[in-house]
């Protein structure tokens, strides 16, 4: 039941849970799990439980039992999604962040944008903005739907989506999102807040690089 919380997992994840919770399993237990009919393998070589079966198992498990395992999985995947250097980012890194993000969203949208902002840093520096665009679009949709247009987390999601688009050279799509993020942060946090300053800097950089110097000067 513990592994069914994950949409996909590999041997490292299996070994982590076994060690973290002192689960008494045979040495070849992973191979036995891999051979189950409810398991398939994705293109990254990770095991993928049949979702309908996995969801049914999870639903039969008490929430208080699920929570520590979900938290452990989030911590595990997040750590693997943050290599020391951008050059160390590989496909496995992206899979780990994707899985961590899915599990973290189950815990609720509040604080999710700040969590993802921290978790994605090295991946962004590695130039994987197109991958991050998908995560930030989901974050923004969730924030708008559950927290509202004016919430600070909506501003964070909006700003980071703008950054992901800008990094891909999609300047016309990024600019209105930078403006919206700054507008939200000014209203929700005030002019003196660090996040408002960051939003101002991001928009200013965008305008400067587009040659809009007079408009950039008006921001400060």
Protein backbone atom coordinates (compact mmCIF):
# COMPACT_ATOMS: atom_id res chain seq x y z
CA UNK A 1 0.00 0.00 0.00
CA UNK A 2 2.86 2.43 0.73
CA UNK A 3 4.23 2.29 -2.82
CA UNK A 4 0.76 2.70 -4.31
CA UNK A 5 0.91 6.36 -3.23
CA UNK A 6 3.48 6.90 -5.96
CA UNK A 7 2.45 7.14 -9.60
CA UNK A 8 5.82 5.61 -10.50
CA UNK A 9 8.80 4.38 -8.53
CA UNK A 10 12.17 2.74 -9.01
CA UNK A 11 14.42 0.56 -6.91
CA UNK A 12 15.95 3.58 -5.13
CA UNK A 13 12.49 4.61 -3.95
CA UNK A 14 11.67 1.09 -2.85
CA UNK A 15 14.93 0.76 -0.91
CA UNK A 16 14.40 4.16 0.71
CA UNK A 17 10.98 3.27 2.10
CA UNK A 18 12.17 -0.12 3.32
CA UNK A 19 15.07 1.48 5.20
CA UNK A 20 13.16 4.56 6.40
CA UNK A 21 10.38 2.53 8.00
CA UNK A 22 12.28 -0.68 8.79
CA UNK A 23 9.94 -2.76 6.65
CA UNK A 24 10.83 -6.49 6.89
CA UNK A 25 11.01 -7.60 3.26
CA UNK A 26 13.06 -10.24 1.46
CA UNK A 27 16.07 -9.14 -0.58
CA UNK A 28 14.31 -9.94 -3.87
CA UNK A 29 11.02 -8.29 -2.90
CA UNK A 30 11.44 -5.52 -5.50
CA UNK A 31 11.72 -8.07 -8.29
CA UNK A 32 8.65 -9.86 -6.97
CA UNK A 33 6.70 -6.58 -7.00
CA UNK A 34 7.92 -5.83 -10.53
CA UNK A 35 6.52 -9.17 -11.71
CA UNK A 36 3.00 -8.47 -10.44
CA UNK A 37 0.31 -8.18 -13.09
CA UNK A 38 -0.73 -4.75 -11.80
CA UNK A 39 2.73 -3.36 -12.60
CA UNK A 40 4.01 -2.00 -15.90
CA UNK A 41 7.19 -0.17 -16.85
CA UNK A 42 7.26 3.38 -18.22
CA UNK A 43 9.71 4.80 -20.76
CA UNK A 44 12.12 5.79 -17.99
CA UNK A 45 12.20 2.20 -16.73
CA UNK A 46 10.23 2.94 -13.55
CA UNK A 47 7.48 0.69 -12.25
CA UNK A 48 3.97 2.07 -12.71
CA UNK A 49 1.11 0.56 -10.68
CA UNK A 50 -2.20 0.15 -12.48
CA UNK A 51 -3.82 3.42 -11.39
CA UNK A 52 -7.35 2.16 -10.75
CA UNK A 53 -6.04 -0.69 -8.59
CA UNK A 54 -3.55 1.56 -6.82
CA UNK A 55 -6.23 4.17 -6.07
CA UNK A 56 -8.52 1.48 -4.66
CA UNK A 57 -5.74 0.27 -2.36
CA UNK A 58 -4.97 3.81 -1.22
CA UNK A 59 -8.64 4.52 -0.53
CA UNK A 60 -8.76 1.48 1.74
CA UNK A 61 -5.79 2.83 3.73
CA UNK A 62 -6.48 5.27 6.58
CA UNK A 63 -5.30 8.82 5.95
CA UNK A 64 -3.22 8.85 9.13
CA UNK A 65 -1.40 5.78 7.80
CA UNK A 66 -0.81 7.35 4.40
CA UNK A 67 0.56 10.69 5.63
CA UNK A 68 4.01 9.67 6.93
CA UNK A 69 4.69 7.59 3.83
CA UNK A 70 3.55 10.38 1.51
CA UNK A 71 5.78 12.85 3.35
CA UNK A 72 8.72 10.43 3.14
CA UNK A 73 8.17 9.99 -0.59
CA UNK A 74 8.00 13.75 -1.14
CA UNK A 75 11.26 14.26 0.75
CA UNK A 76 12.91 11.39 -1.14
CA UNK A 77 11.89 12.57 -4.60
CA UNK A 78 12.62 16.21 -3.81
CA UNK A 79 16.15 15.39 -2.70
CA UNK A 80 16.77 13.46 -5.90
CA UNK A 81 15.38 16.37 -7.93
CA UNK A 82 18.03 18.75 -6.54
CA UNK A 83 21.48 17.64 -7.73
CA UNK A 84 24.45 19.75 -6.76
CA UNK A 85 25.07 21.25 -10.21
CA UNK A 86 22.91 22.01 -13.27
CA UNK A 87 25.05 19.71 -15.40
CA UNK A 88 23.96 16.83 -13.17
CA UNK A 89 20.31 17.21 -14.18
CA UNK A 90 19.19 14.16 -16.16
CA UNK A 91 15.83 12.67 -17.14
CA UNK A 92 15.63 10.89 -13.79
CA UNK A 93 15.85 14.28 -12.07
CA UNK A 94 12.75 15.45 -13.91
CA UNK A 95 10.85 12.26 -13.12
CA UNK A 96 11.62 12.78 -9.43
CA UNK A 97 10.40 16.38 -9.41
CA UNK A 98 7.27 15.43 -11.32
CA UNK A 99 6.46 12.72 -8.79
CA UNK A 100 7.31 14.93 -5.80
CA UNK A 101 5.08 17.68 -7.19
CA UNK A 102 2.13 15.33 -7.67
CA UNK A 103 2.43 14.03 -4.11
CA UNK A 104 2.93 17.52 -2.68
CA UNK A 105 -0.25 18.76 -4.36
CA UNK A 106 -2.19 16.01 -2.60
CA UNK A 107 -1.21 17.72 0.66
CA UNK A 108 -2.88 20.93 -0.50
CA UNK A 109 -2.21 24.01 -2.60
CA UNK A 110 -1.21 26.29 0.29
CA UNK A 111 2.54 26.65 0.31
CA UNK A 112 2.90 24.57 -2.85
CA UNK A 113 4.20 27.45 -4.98
CA UNK A 114 6.95 28.25 -2.48
CA UNK A 115 7.88 24.57 -2.28
CA UNK A 116 8.07 24.23 -6.07
CA UNK A 117 9.98 27.50 -6.38
CA UNK A 118 12.70 26.00 -4.18
CA UNK A 119 12.57 22.49 -5.63
CA UNK A 120 12.91 23.57 -9.28
CA UNK A 121 15.92 25.88 -8.96
CA UNK A 122 18.67 23.60 -10.29
CA UNK A 123 16.41 22.21 -13.01
CA UNK A 124 15.65 25.75 -14.20
CA UNK A 125 19.36 26.58 -14.25
CA UNK A 126 19.91 23.44 -16.32
CA UNK A 127 17.71 24.90 -19.06
CA UNK A 128 14.73 22.57 -18.60
CA UNK A 129 12.18 25.39 -18.76
CA UNK A 130 9.77 23.55 -21.05
CA UNK A 131 9.41 20.79 -18.44
CA UNK A 132 8.88 23.34 -15.67
CA UNK A 133 6.27 25.19 -17.72
CA UNK A 134 3.89 22.24 -17.30
CA UNK A 135 4.33 22.18 -13.52
CA UNK A 136 3.82 25.92 -13.18
CA UNK A 137 0.73 25.92 -15.39
CA UNK A 138 -0.77 23.29 -13.10
CA UNK A 139 0.30 25.26 -10.02
CA UNK A 140 -1.28 28.44 -11.37
CA UNK A 141 -4.55 26.70 -12.26
CA UNK A 142 -4.74 25.13 -8.80
CA UNK A 143 -3.89 28.41 -7.06
CA UNK A 144 -6.49 30.38 -8.99
CA UNK A 145 -9.14 27.72 -8.45
CA UNK A 146 -8.55 27.15 -4.74
CA UNK A 147 -6.95 30.35 -3.43
CA UNK A 148 -8.23 32.98 -5.84
CA UNK A 149 -6.70 35.45 -8.30
CA UNK A 150 -5.42 37.79 -5.58
CA UNK A 151 -3.51 35.31 -3.40
CA UNK A 152 0.26 35.66 -3.03
CA UNK A 153 0.76 32.02 -4.09
CA UNK A 154 -1.08 32.82 -7.31
CA UNK A 155 1.40 35.62 -7.86
CA UNK A 156 4.32 33.26 -7.26
CA UNK A 157 2.93 30.71 -9.72
CA UNK A 158 2.21 33.41 -12.27
CA UNK A 159 5.73 34.82 -11.98
CA UNK A 160 7.43 31.46 -12.27
CA UNK A 161 5.34 30.49 -15.28
CA UNK A 162 6.46 33.77 -16.85
CA UNK A 163 10.08 32.88 -16.11
CA UNK A 164 9.67 29.45 -17.73
CA UNK A 165 8.16 31.00 -20.86
CA UNK A 166 10.76 33.75 -21.02
CA UNK A 167 13.58 31.20 -20.75
CA UNK A 168 12.15 29.52 -23.86
CA UNK A 169 12.17 32.81 -25.77
CA UNK A 170 8.38 33.17 -25.63
CA UNK A 171 8.52 36.82 -24.63
CA UNK A 172 5.03 37.88 -25.73
CA UNK A 173 3.49 35.15 -23.58
CA UNK A 174 5.74 35.93 -20.62
CA UNK A 175 5.24 39.69 -20.41
CA UNK A 176 1.55 39.80 -19.34
CA UNK A 177 2.24 37.11 -16.74
CA UNK A 178 5.15 39.13 -15.32
CA UNK A 179 2.83 42.15 -15.11
CA UNK A 180 0.08 40.13 -13.45
CA UNK A 181 2.50 38.59 -10.95
CA UNK A 182 3.77 42.02 -9.93
CA UNK A 183 0.23 43.37 -9.63
CA UNK A 184 -0.81 40.48 -7.36
CA UNK A 185 2.29 40.76 -5.18
CA UNK A 186 1.91 44.51 -4.73
CA UNK A 187 -1.69 44.07 -3.60
CA UNK A 188 -1.16 40.96 -1.46
CA UNK A 189 2.25 41.65 0.05
CA UNK A 190 2.94 45.37 -0.29
CA UNK A 191 5.67 47.31 -2.06
CA UNK A 192 8.35 46.57 0.55
CA UNK A 193 8.09 42.76 0.41
CA UNK A 194 11.01 40.83 -1.11
CA UNK A 195 8.71 38.92 -3.48
CA UNK A 196 7.31 42.21 -4.80
CA UNK A 197 10.85 43.39 -5.39
CA UNK A 198 11.62 40.16 -7.23
CA UNK A 199 8.55 40.59 -9.42
CA UNK A 200 9.60 44.14 -10.19
CA UNK A 201 13.12 42.99 -11.09
CA UNK A 202 11.84 40.19 -13.33
CA UNK A 203 9.53 42.52 -15.24
CA UNK A 204 12.22 45.18 -15.42
CA UNK A 205 14.70 42.71 -16.87
CA UNK A 206 12.13 41.59 -19.42
CA UNK A 207 11.41 45.17 -20.51
CA UNK A 208 15.10 46.10 -20.67
CA UNK A 209 15.97 43.12 -22.84
CA UNK A 210 13.08 44.04 -25.13
CA UNK A 211 14.43 47.58 -25.42
CA UNK A 212 11.53 49.16 -23.50
CA UNK A 213 13.80 51.35 -21.38
CA UNK A 214 11.37 54.17 -20.58
CA UNK A 215 8.72 51.79 -19.30
CA UNK A 216 11.35 49.89 -17.29
CA UNK A 217 12.38 53.12 -15.55
CA UNK A 218 8.80 53.73 -14.42
CA UNK A 219 8.84 50.53 -12.35
CA UNK A 220 11.31 51.91 -9.81
